PDB file of all heavy atoms in Angstrom:
ATOM      1  N   ASN A   1      37.765  87.900 116.674  1.00  0.00           N
ATOM      2  CA  ASN A   1      37.062  89.152 116.319  1.00  0.00           C
ATOM      3  C   ASN A   1      38.014  90.114 115.568  1.00  0.00           C
ATOM      4  O   ASN A   1      37.877  91.311 115.627  1.00  0.00           O
ATOM      5  CB  ASN A   1      36.488  89.853 117.566  1.00  0.00           C
ATOM      6  CG  ASN A   1      35.384  90.848 117.218  1.00  0.00           C
ATOM      7  OD1 ASN A   1      34.644  90.652 116.266  1.00  0.00           O
ATOM      8  ND2 ASN A   1      35.316  91.948 117.965  1.00  0.00           N
ATOM      9  N   TYR A   2      38.992  89.485 114.897  1.00  0.00           N
ATOM     10  CA  TYR A   2      39.974  90.226 114.074  1.00  0.00           C
ATOM     11  C   TYR A   2      40.728  91.270 114.911  1.00  0.00           C
ATOM     12  O   TYR A   2      41.232  92.266 114.384  1.00  0.00           O
ATOM     13  CB  TYR A   2      39.298  90.874 112.859  1.00  0.00           C
ATOM     14  CG  TYR A   2      38.439  89.871 112.105  1.00  0.00           C
ATOM     15  CD1 TYR A   2      37.052  89.877 112.263  1.00  0.00           C
ATOM     16  CD2 TYR A   2      39.010  88.892 111.309  1.00  0.00           C
ATOM     17  CE1 TYR A   2      36.254  88.931 111.612  1.00  0.00           C
ATOM     18  CE2 TYR A   2      38.238  87.942 110.635  1.00  0.00           C
ATOM     19  CZ  TYR A   2      36.856  87.978 110.792  1.00  0.00           C
ATOM     20  OH  TYR A   2      36.063  87.038 110.163  1.00  0.00           O
ATOM     21  N   GLY A   3      40.773  91.015 116.233  1.00  0.00           N
ATOM     22  CA  GLY A   3      41.534  91.918 117.142  1.00  0.00           C
ATOM     23  C   GLY A   3      40.804  93.188 117.497  1.00  0.00           C
ATOM     24  O   GLY A   3      41.379  94.084 118.145  1.00  0.00           O
ATOM     25  N   ARG A   4      39.528  93.279 117.093  1.00  0.00           N
ATOM     26  CA  ARG A   4      38.821  94.557 117.273  1.00  0.00           C
ATOM     27  C   ARG A   4      38.117  94.678 118.613  1.00  0.00           C
ATOM     28  O   ARG A   4      37.686  95.762 118.986  1.00  0.00           O
ATOM     29  CB  ARG A   4      37.811  94.757 116.158  1.00  0.00           C
ATOM     30  CG  ARG A   4      38.441  95.033 114.790  1.00  0.00           C
ATOM     31  CD  ARG A   4      37.422  95.601 113.823  1.00  0.00           C
ATOM     32  NE  ARG A   4      36.378  94.662 113.522  1.00  0.00           N
ATOM     33  CZ  ARG A   4      36.370  93.862 112.458  1.00  0.00           C
ATOM     34  NH1 ARG A   4      37.385  93.901 111.602  1.00  0.00           N
ATOM     35  NH2 ARG A   4      35.356  93.034 112.256  1.00  0.00           N
ATOM     36  N   HIS A   5      37.906  93.545 119.343  1.00  0.00           N
ATOM     37  CA  HIS A   5      37.157  93.702 120.581  1.00  0.00           C
ATOM     38  C   HIS A   5      38.029  94.322 121.679  1.00  0.00           C
ATOM     39  O   HIS A   5      39.258  94.262 121.628  1.00  0.00           O
ATOM     40  CB  HIS A   5      36.522  92.387 121.024  1.00  0.00           C
ATOM     41  CG  HIS A   5      37.428  91.242 121.274  1.00  0.00           C
ATOM     42  ND1 HIS A   5      37.753  90.323 120.313  1.00  0.00           N
ATOM     43  CD2 HIS A   5      38.085  90.860 122.393  1.00  0.00           C
ATOM     44  CE1 HIS A   5      38.544  89.426 120.818  1.00  0.00           C
ATOM     45  NE2 HIS A   5      38.783  89.736 122.089  1.00  0.00           N
ATOM     46  N   ARG A   6      37.348  94.936 122.603  1.00  0.00           N
ATOM     47  CA  ARG A   6      38.029  95.647 123.698  1.00  0.00           C
ATOM     48  C   ARG A   6      37.761  94.932 124.999  1.00  0.00           C
ATOM     49  O   ARG A   6      36.657  94.419 125.230  1.00  0.00           O
ATOM     50  CB  ARG A   6      37.551  97.088 123.790  1.00  0.00           C
ATOM     51  CG  ARG A   6      37.842  97.908 122.536  1.00  0.00           C
ATOM     52  CD  ARG A   6      37.438  99.367 122.758  1.00  0.00           C
ATOM     53  NE  ARG A   6      36.056  99.484 123.221  1.00  0.00           N
ATOM     54  CZ  ARG A   6      35.563 100.540 123.869  1.00  0.00           C
ATOM     55  NH1 ARG A   6      36.359 101.565 124.156  1.00  0.00           N
ATOM     56  NH2 ARG A   6      34.295 100.586 124.232  1.00  0.00           N
ATOM     57  N   ARG A   7      38.776  94.914 125.866  1.00  0.00           N
ATOM     58  CA  ARG A   7      38.635  94.298 127.196  1.00  0.00           C
ATOM     59  C   ARG A   7      39.126  95.283 128.272  1.00  0.00           C
ATOM     60  O   ARG A   7      40.104  96.002 128.059  1.00  0.00           O
ATOM     61  CB  ARG A   7      39.451  92.995 127.283  1.00  0.00           C
ATOM     62  CG  ARG A   7      38.881  91.846 126.471  1.00  0.00           C
ATOM     63  CD  ARG A   7      37.589  91.339 127.105  1.00  0.00           C
ATOM     64  NE  ARG A   7      37.006  90.231 126.348  1.00  0.00           N
ATOM     65  CZ  ARG A   7      36.097  90.362 125.366  1.00  0.00           C
ATOM     66  NH1 ARG A   7      35.721  91.573 125.017  1.00  0.00           N
ATOM     67  NH2 ARG A   7      35.600  89.307 124.773  1.00  0.00           N
ATOM     68  N   ASP A   8      38.449  95.248 129.390  1.00  0.00           N
ATOM     69  CA  ASP A   8      38.856  96.046 130.539  1.00  0.00           C
ATOM     70  C   ASP A   8      39.875  95.222 131.337  1.00  0.00           C
ATOM     71  O   ASP A   8      39.556  94.708 132.418  1.00  0.00           O
ATOM     72  CB  ASP A   8      37.633  96.404 131.390  1.00  0.00           C
ATOM     73  CG  ASP A   8      37.798  97.715 132.103  1.00  0.00           C
ATOM     74  OD1 ASP A   8      38.924  98.208 132.196  1.00  0.00           O
ATOM     75  OD2 ASP A   8      36.759  98.265 132.560  1.00  0.00           O
ATOM     76  N   PHE A   9      41.068  95.081 130.787  1.00  0.00           N
ATOM     77  CA  PHE A   9      42.138  94.272 131.391  1.00  0.00           C
ATOM     78  C   PHE A   9      42.474  94.796 132.769  1.00  0.00           C
ATOM     79  O   PHE A   9      42.802  95.954 132.949  1.00  0.00           O
ATOM     80  CB  PHE A   9      43.366  94.235 130.511  1.00  0.00           C
ATOM     81  CG  PHE A   9      43.174  93.623 129.159  1.00  0.00           C
ATOM     82  CD1 PHE A   9      43.054  94.408 128.023  1.00  0.00           C
ATOM     83  CD2 PHE A   9      43.108  92.224 129.027  1.00  0.00           C
ATOM     84  CE1 PHE A   9      42.865  93.836 126.770  1.00  0.00           C
ATOM     85  CE2 PHE A   9      42.938  91.651 127.788  1.00  0.00           C
ATOM     86  CZ  PHE A   9      42.800  92.453 126.661  1.00  0.00           C
ATOM     87  N   THR A  10      42.391  93.916 133.801  1.00  0.00           N
ATOM     88  CA  THR A  10      42.573  94.332 135.185  1.00  0.00           C
ATOM     89  C   THR A  10      43.694  93.514 135.829  1.00  0.00           C
ATOM     90  O   THR A  10      43.629  92.269 135.834  1.00  0.00           O
ATOM     91  CB  THR A  10      41.272  94.176 135.975  1.00  0.00           C
ATOM     92  OG1 THR A  10      40.195  94.752 135.231  1.00  0.00           O
ATOM     93  CG2 THR A  10      41.377  94.857 137.319  1.00  0.00           C
ATOM     94  N   TYR A  11      44.702  94.206 136.350  1.00  0.00           N
ATOM     95  CA  TYR A  11      45.886  93.561 136.875  1.00  0.00           C
ATOM     96  C   TYR A  11      45.580  92.832 138.186  1.00  0.00           C
ATOM     97  O   TYR A  11      44.843  93.331 139.041  1.00  0.00           O
ATOM     98  CB  TYR A  11      46.977  94.581 137.068  1.00  0.00           C
ATOM     99  CG  TYR A  11      48.339  94.004 137.388  1.00  0.00           C
ATOM    100  CD1 TYR A  11      48.987  93.181 136.491  1.00  0.00           C
ATOM    101  CD2 TYR A  11      48.975  94.314 138.572  1.00  0.00           C
ATOM    102  CE1 TYR A  11      50.248  92.645 136.782  1.00  0.00           C
ATOM    103  CE2 TYR A  11      50.242  93.799 138.876  1.00  0.00           C
ATOM    104  CZ  TYR A  11      50.852  92.950 137.957  1.00  0.00           C
ATOM    105  OH  TYR A  11      52.099  92.441 138.240  1.00  0.00           O
ATOM    106  N   VAL A  12      46.183  91.652 138.365  1.00  0.00           N
ATOM    107  CA  VAL A  12      45.851  90.802 139.497  1.00  0.00           C
ATOM    108  C   VAL A  12      46.076  91.460 140.836  1.00  0.00           C
ATOM    109  O   VAL A  12      45.276  91.285 141.784  1.00  0.00           O
ATOM    110  CB  VAL A  12      46.626  89.466 139.402  1.00  0.00           C
ATOM    111  CG1 VAL A  12      48.136  89.680 139.495  1.00  0.00           C
ATOM    112  CG2 VAL A  12      46.115  88.489 140.472  1.00  0.00           C
ATOM    113  N   ASP A  13      47.125  92.256 141.003  1.00  0.00           N
ATOM    114  CA  ASP A  13      47.366  92.916 142.295  1.00  0.00           C
ATOM    115  C   ASP A  13      46.267  93.944 142.621  1.00  0.00           C
ATOM    116  O   ASP A  13      45.920  94.133 143.791  1.00  0.00           O
ATOM    117  CB  ASP A  13      48.740  93.629 142.302  1.00  0.00           C
ATOM    118  CG  ASP A  13      49.908  92.649 142.346  1.00  0.00           C
ATOM    119  OD1 ASP A  13      49.630  91.434 142.450  1.00  0.00           O
ATOM    120  OD2 ASP A  13      51.049  93.083 142.288  1.00  0.00           O
ATOM    121  N   ASP A  14      45.730  94.576 141.576  1.00  0.00           N
ATOM    122  CA  ASP A  14      44.598  95.485 141.773  1.00  0.00           C
ATOM    123  C   ASP A  14      43.357  94.749 142.242  1.00  0.00           C
ATOM    124  O   ASP A  14      42.596  95.229 143.100  1.00  0.00           O
ATOM    125  CB  ASP A  14      44.294  96.249 140.470  1.00  0.00           C
ATOM    126  CG  ASP A  14      45.366  97.256 140.111  1.00  0.00           C
ATOM    127  OD1 ASP A  14      46.222  97.540 140.947  1.00  0.00           O
ATOM    128  OD2 ASP A  14      45.308  97.754 138.964  1.00  0.00           O
ATOM    129  N   ILE A  15      43.169  93.566 141.664  1.00  0.00           N
ATOM    130  CA  ILE A  15      42.027  92.725 142.064  1.00  0.00           C
ATOM    131  C   ILE A  15      42.165  92.316 143.525  1.00  0.00           C
ATOM    132  O   ILE A  15      41.212  92.414 144.313  1.00  0.00           O
ATOM    133  CB  ILE A  15      41.950  91.459 141.166  1.00  0.00           C
ATOM    134  CG1 ILE A  15      41.495  91.823 139.759  1.00  0.00           C
ATOM    135  CG2 ILE A  15      40.993  90.424 141.780  1.00  0.00           C
ATOM    136  CD1 ILE A  15      40.051  92.230 139.606  1.00  0.00           C
ATOM    137  N   VAL A  16      43.344  91.878 143.913  1.00  0.00           N
ATOM    138  CA  VAL A  16      43.588  91.425 145.301  1.00  0.00           C
ATOM    139  C   VAL A  16      43.359  92.576 146.292  1.00  0.00           C
ATOM    140  O   VAL A  16      42.725  92.411 147.310  1.00  0.00           O
ATOM    141  CB  VAL A  16      44.995  90.847 145.451  1.00  0.00           C
ATOM    142  CG1 VAL A  16      45.356  90.658 146.902  1.00  0.00           C
ATOM    143  CG2 VAL A  16      45.082  89.515 144.719  1.00  0.00           C
ATOM    144  N   GLU A  17      43.864  93.762 145.936  1.00  0.00           N
ATOM    145  CA  GLU A  17      43.636  94.928 146.801  1.00  0.00           C
ATOM    146  C   GLU A  17      42.142  95.194 146.961  1.00  0.00           C
ATOM    147  O   GLU A  17      41.666  95.461 148.093  1.00  0.00           O
ATOM    148  CB  GLU A  17      44.321  96.155 146.214  1.00  0.00           C
ATOM    149  CG  GLU A  17      44.066  97.476 146.962  1.00  0.00           C
ATOM    150  CD  GLU A  17      44.619  97.486 148.364  1.00  0.00           C
ATOM    151  OE1 GLU A  17      45.580  96.745 148.664  1.00  0.00           O
ATOM    152  OE2 GLU A  17      44.096  98.282 149.199  1.00  0.00           O
ATOM    153  N   GLY A  18      41.404  95.087 145.854  1.00  0.00           N
ATOM    154  CA  GLY A  18      39.960  95.313 145.933  1.00  0.00           C
ATOM    155  C   GLY A  18      39.257  94.275 146.787  1.00  0.00           C
ATOM    156  O   GLY A  18      38.362  94.582 147.573  1.00  0.00           O
ATOM    157  N   VAL A  19      39.641  92.981 146.635  1.00  0.00           N
ATOM    158  CA  VAL A  19      39.032  91.924 147.412  1.00  0.00           C
ATOM    159  C   VAL A  19      39.271  92.152 148.914  1.00  0.00           C
ATOM    160  O   VAL A  19      38.329  92.009 149.739  1.00  0.00           O
ATOM    161  CB  VAL A  19      39.568  90.548 146.983  1.00  0.00           C
ATOM    162  CG1 VAL A  19      39.035  89.481 147.926  1.00  0.00           C
ATOM    163  CG2 VAL A  19      39.147  90.233 145.539  1.00  0.00           C
ATOM    164  N   VAL A  20      40.487  92.507 149.273  1.00  0.00           N
ATOM    165  CA  VAL A  20      40.794  92.727 150.694  1.00  0.00           C
ATOM    166  C   VAL A  20      39.964  93.870 151.268  1.00  0.00           C
ATOM    167  O   VAL A  20      39.408  93.775 152.350  1.00  0.00           O
ATOM    168  CB  VAL A  20      42.306  93.016 150.869  1.00  0.00           C
ATOM    169  CG1 VAL A  20      42.611  93.499 152.307  1.00  0.00           C
ATOM    170  CG2 VAL A  20      43.117  91.748 150.541  1.00  0.00           C
ATOM    171  N   ARG A  21      39.828  94.964 150.502  1.00  0.00           N
ATOM    172  CA  ARG A  21      39.029  96.090 150.985  1.00  0.00           C
ATOM    173  C   ARG A  21      37.582  95.702 151.150  1.00  0.00           C
ATOM    174  O   ARG A  21      36.920  96.090 152.130  1.00  0.00           O
ATOM    175  CB  ARG A  21      39.184  97.269 150.006  1.00  0.00           C
ATOM    176  CG  ARG A  21      40.552  97.903 150.004  1.00  0.00           C
ATOM    177  CD  ARG A  21      40.524  99.211 149.245  1.00  0.00           C
ATOM    178  NE  ARG A  21      41.865  99.801 149.153  1.00  0.00           N
ATOM    179  CZ  ARG A  21      42.096 101.102 149.127  1.00  0.00           C
ATOM    180  NH1 ARG A  21      41.072 101.971 149.198  1.00  0.00           N
ATOM    181  NH2 ARG A  21      43.319 101.576 149.036  1.00  0.00           N
ATOM    182  N   VAL A  22      37.055  94.935 150.184  1.00  0.00           N
ATOM    183  CA  VAL A  22      35.664  94.506 150.271  1.00  0.00           C
ATOM    184  C   VAL A  22      35.471  93.557 151.445  1.00  0.00           C
ATOM    185  O   VAL A  22      34.490  93.652 152.199  1.00  0.00           O
ATOM    186  CB  VAL A  22      35.232  93.842 148.953  1.00  0.00           C
ATOM    187  CG1 VAL A  22      33.896  93.108 149.136  1.00  0.00           C
ATOM    188  CG2 VAL A  22      35.135  94.871 147.845  1.00  0.00           C
ATOM    189  N   LEU A  23      36.409  92.635 151.651  1.00  0.00           N
ATOM    190  CA  LEU A  23      36.335  91.690 152.737  1.00  0.00           C
ATOM    191  C   LEU A  23      36.204  92.408 154.099  1.00  0.00           C
ATOM    192  O   LEU A  23      35.471  91.988 154.990  1.00  0.00           O
ATOM    193  CB  LEU A  23      37.554  90.781 152.734  1.00  0.00           C
ATOM    194  CG  LEU A  23      37.610  89.688 153.790  1.00  0.00           C
ATOM    195  CD1 LEU A  23      36.525  88.659 153.597  1.00  0.00           C
ATOM    196  CD2 LEU A  23      38.994  89.013 153.768  1.00  0.00           C
ATOM    197  N   ASP A  24      36.952  93.495 154.243  1.00  0.00           N
ATOM    198  CA  ASP A  24      36.948  94.277 155.484  1.00  0.00           C
ATOM    199  C   ASP A  24      35.738  95.167 155.635  1.00  0.00           C
ATOM    200  O   ASP A  24      35.488  95.717 156.710  1.00  0.00           O
ATOM    201  CB  ASP A  24      38.221  95.126 155.581  1.00  0.00           C
ATOM    202  CG  ASP A  24      39.492  94.290 155.728  1.00  0.00           C
ATOM    203  OD1 ASP A  24      39.377  93.091 156.077  1.00  0.00           O
ATOM    204  OD2 ASP A  24      40.582  94.823 155.470  1.00  0.00           O
ATOM    205  N   HIS A  25      35.003  95.358 154.543  1.00  0.00           N
ATOM    206  CA  HIS A  25      33.861  96.275 154.513  1.00  0.00           C
ATOM    207  C   HIS A  25      32.590  95.424 154.425  1.00  0.00           C
ATOM    208  O   HIS A  25      32.084  95.138 153.346  1.00  0.00           O
ATOM    209  CB  HIS A  25      33.959  97.195 153.300  1.00  0.00           C
ATOM    210  CG  HIS A  25      32.956  98.293 153.234  1.00  0.00           C
ATOM    211  ND1 HIS A  25      33.058  99.463 153.921  1.00  0.00           N
ATOM    212  CD2 HIS A  25      31.758  98.345 152.551  1.00  0.00           C
ATOM    213  CE1 HIS A  25      32.020 100.242 153.667  1.00  0.00           C
ATOM    214  NE2 HIS A  25      31.216  99.566 152.838  1.00  0.00           N
ATOM    215  N   VAL A  26      32.098  94.975 155.562  1.00  0.00           N
ATOM    216  CA  VAL A  26      30.964  94.035 155.611  1.00  0.00           C
ATOM    217  C   VAL A  26      29.697  94.625 154.998  1.00  0.00           C
ATOM    218  O   VAL A  26      29.315  95.747 155.337  1.00  0.00           O
ATOM    219  CB  VAL A  26      30.719  93.552 157.039  1.00  0.00           C
ATOM    220  CG1 VAL A  26      29.532  92.572 157.074  1.00  0.00           C
ATOM    221  CG2 VAL A  26      31.966  92.911 157.634  1.00  0.00           C
ATOM    222  N   ALA A  27      29.078  93.887 154.085  1.00  0.00           N
ATOM    223  CA  ALA A  27      27.861  94.337 153.431  1.00  0.00           C
ATOM    224  C   ALA A  27      26.762  94.654 154.434  1.00  0.00           C
ATOM    225  O   ALA A  27      26.565  93.930 155.399  1.00  0.00           O
ATOM    226  CB  ALA A  27      27.386  93.289 152.423  1.00  0.00           C
ATOM    227  N   GLU A  28      26.053  95.719 154.164  1.00  0.00           N
ATOM    228  CA  GLU A  28      24.958  96.145 155.016  1.00  0.00           C
ATOM    229  C   GLU A  28      23.699  96.388 154.171  1.00  0.00           C
ATOM    230  O   GLU A  28      23.795  96.620 152.977  1.00  0.00           O
ATOM    231  CB  GLU A  28      25.311  97.411 155.790  1.00  0.00           C
ATOM    232  CG  GLU A  28      26.448  97.261 156.772  1.00  0.00           C
ATOM    233  CD  GLU A  28      26.776  98.544 157.487  1.00  0.00           C
ATOM    234  OE1 GLU A  28      26.234  99.608 157.072  1.00  0.00           O
ATOM    235  OE2 GLU A  28      27.562  98.534 158.431  1.00  0.00           O
ATOM    236  N   PRO A  29      22.508  96.353 154.786  1.00  0.00           N
ATOM    237  CA  PRO A  29      21.294  96.674 154.053  1.00  0.00           C
ATOM    238  C   PRO A  29      21.306  98.120 153.538  1.00  0.00           C
ATOM    239  O   PRO A  29      21.901  98.998 154.146  1.00  0.00           O
ATOM    240  CB  PRO A  29      20.186  96.500 155.105  1.00  0.00           C
ATOM    241  CG  PRO A  29      20.778  95.610 156.129  1.00  0.00           C
ATOM    242  CD  PRO A  29      22.232  95.942 156.188  1.00  0.00           C
ATOM    243  N   ASP A  30      20.719  98.316 152.380  1.00  0.00           N
ATOM    244  CA  ASP A  30      20.557  99.641 151.802  1.00  0.00           C
ATOM    245  C   ASP A  30      19.254 100.234 152.306  1.00  0.00           C
ATOM    246  O   ASP A  30      18.176  99.794 151.905  1.00  0.00           O
ATOM    247  CB  ASP A  30      20.596  99.552 150.277  1.00  0.00           C
ATOM    248  CG  ASP A  30      20.440 100.885 149.598  1.00  0.00           C
ATOM    249  OD1 ASP A  30      20.283 101.904 150.288  1.00  0.00           O
ATOM    250  OD2 ASP A  30      20.468 100.939 148.347  1.00  0.00           O
TER     251      ASP A  30
END
């Protein structure tokens, strides 16, 4: 794309932190 496209680059440690928080926060009905 001639370098013009944009990406929401997300660092792996941020992803891991998010996964751990979600894992501990059990989904509930809305």
